[in-house]
Amino acid sequence: MNVGQKVLELLKREIPQIDYERYIKNLVFDEEMSRSNIIYYTAPNMLAAKWIKTKYKEKIAHLFELQNGIKPDVDIIVGKAKNIAASVHQQNDHKVHANTKSTKLNPSFTFESFIVGDSNQFAYTTSKSAAEKPGEQYNPLFIYGGVGLGKTHLLQAIGNYHLGQGKTVIYTTLEQFMNSFTSHLRSQTMDRFREKFRECDLLLIDDIQFLSRKEQTQEEFFHTFNELHNAKKQIVMTSDRQPNKIAGLVDRLKSRFEWGLMADIQPPGLETKIAIIQKKCELDGIRLEKDIINYIATHMGDNIREIEGTIIKLNALSSMLNQPITMEFTKNAIKDQLKEKKESVTIDDIIKIVSRELNVKPSDIKSNKRHKNVVNARRIVIYLARNLTPNSMPQIALYFGMKDHSAISHTMKKINEIIENDENFKVQLEELSNKVNTDTGDDYN
């Protein structure tokens, strides 16, 4: 019995029998597609897939964690869709050379489906250049940024770009690379390991930061890197931090990772998040009103993976309960996902976040400067301070060195007028308010 089937047997003991018989019993574990960080099951139809994702996805992930020590993402796909995908892969196989090798890539991770904004424009452009001119420009390409911002999407988009062109594409997580290395080392078949990883045209490595303190794996990867780079084969890596910030990474690897180009992905701005939600709805045939899209964008943080999961959850619940997706429905459905608010908010907290988001120096906000962007930021801070802190208007006036509370009263009136006439400003204000309540205000890596 494989681990996927074992997890379903464990789940059977913890859920109502009717749920197991009606839905879980018909799941099939896709061992070939599954990886350590993402698990695939096949369901007989879309309704069952959505229902299981909504109700038992987290439970299944937890049971996998108990088995393997790693909590993966869990995806439930429809059997028919899988067959279509397999057919497409078979057609592609006829177009490429007989010795073409590739690892499983998510076919939806393409450059066309990636939403570009100011926060990821550089990473997107350099990834596309590396795909179009592999081994010639930006080699290696090192993409870094926080969780759920699109690093894996770009990495696999590069691989998908080359599928069907006779290229040998290897996509792997660092954990899979390490496990494969250990397995071949034990079985004394390192020649096969090296043949696989050193004779490919593109090597795509996800989560390279886990090389930290793995001395033997670092030694092997060092030689693999050199072989590929000398042969002008494209290497692309992702990480949650820059090479020089990966503790326990030997200097010669840090140096090589910096040979090519490093591209960071920052948390998306509000407009980018809205565009991502709209694109996801378009791809999945989900209809959401503008105010609901704005609510999700302003309240769900910056993790794109979580935002997309929220949209899927809303659609699944709507289908199962036969209810339209209204604002009230949305708030009730995702209330448990929203981060807990900070117990106490200070004006300094607000200034730190507003200055970061609006690119204005904290010292300028506290000053008497009258530049338009500084005045706008100061007004927003005053408005948020009045609404999110226990400070009275005289106390806020004292903080900013104003004569009396009348200036604060005038600012509040002005902000409320703008809110009434500018929907975009209202949404921006809501997002900033949510960030103050949920964000620590620390800088991103």
Foldseek 3Di string as FASTA:
>chain_A
DDPLVVLLVVVCVVDDVVLCVVAVVQWAWDPQQDDLAETEIETADDLSQLVCCQPPQQVSQVSSCVVPVGRHGYHYHYPVVVVVVVVVLVVLCVLADVPAAEGDFDLCLALVLDQDDPQCPVVSVQLVVCLVPPLPAQAAEEEAAAAQQQPSSSLRNSVNSCRSVRFHYYEDEVVVLVVVCVVCVVVVNVVVNLCNLQVGQEYEYEAPLVCAQVVVSLVVVLVSSVSCNVVSRYYYYYHHDQLVPRHRHDPVVSVNNVPHDYGYGYQDDLVSQLVSLVSLCVVVVHDDDPVLSLCLSQFQPRNNVVSSSLSSNLVSVCVVVVHDDDNVSSCVSCVVNGAAFDPAFDLVLLLLLLCVNLVHDSVLLLAPDDPPSSVVSVLLSLLLCCVRHPDDLQRVCVSSVHPGSVVSVVSNVVLVVCVVPPVVVVSVSSSSSNCSGHPPSDDTD
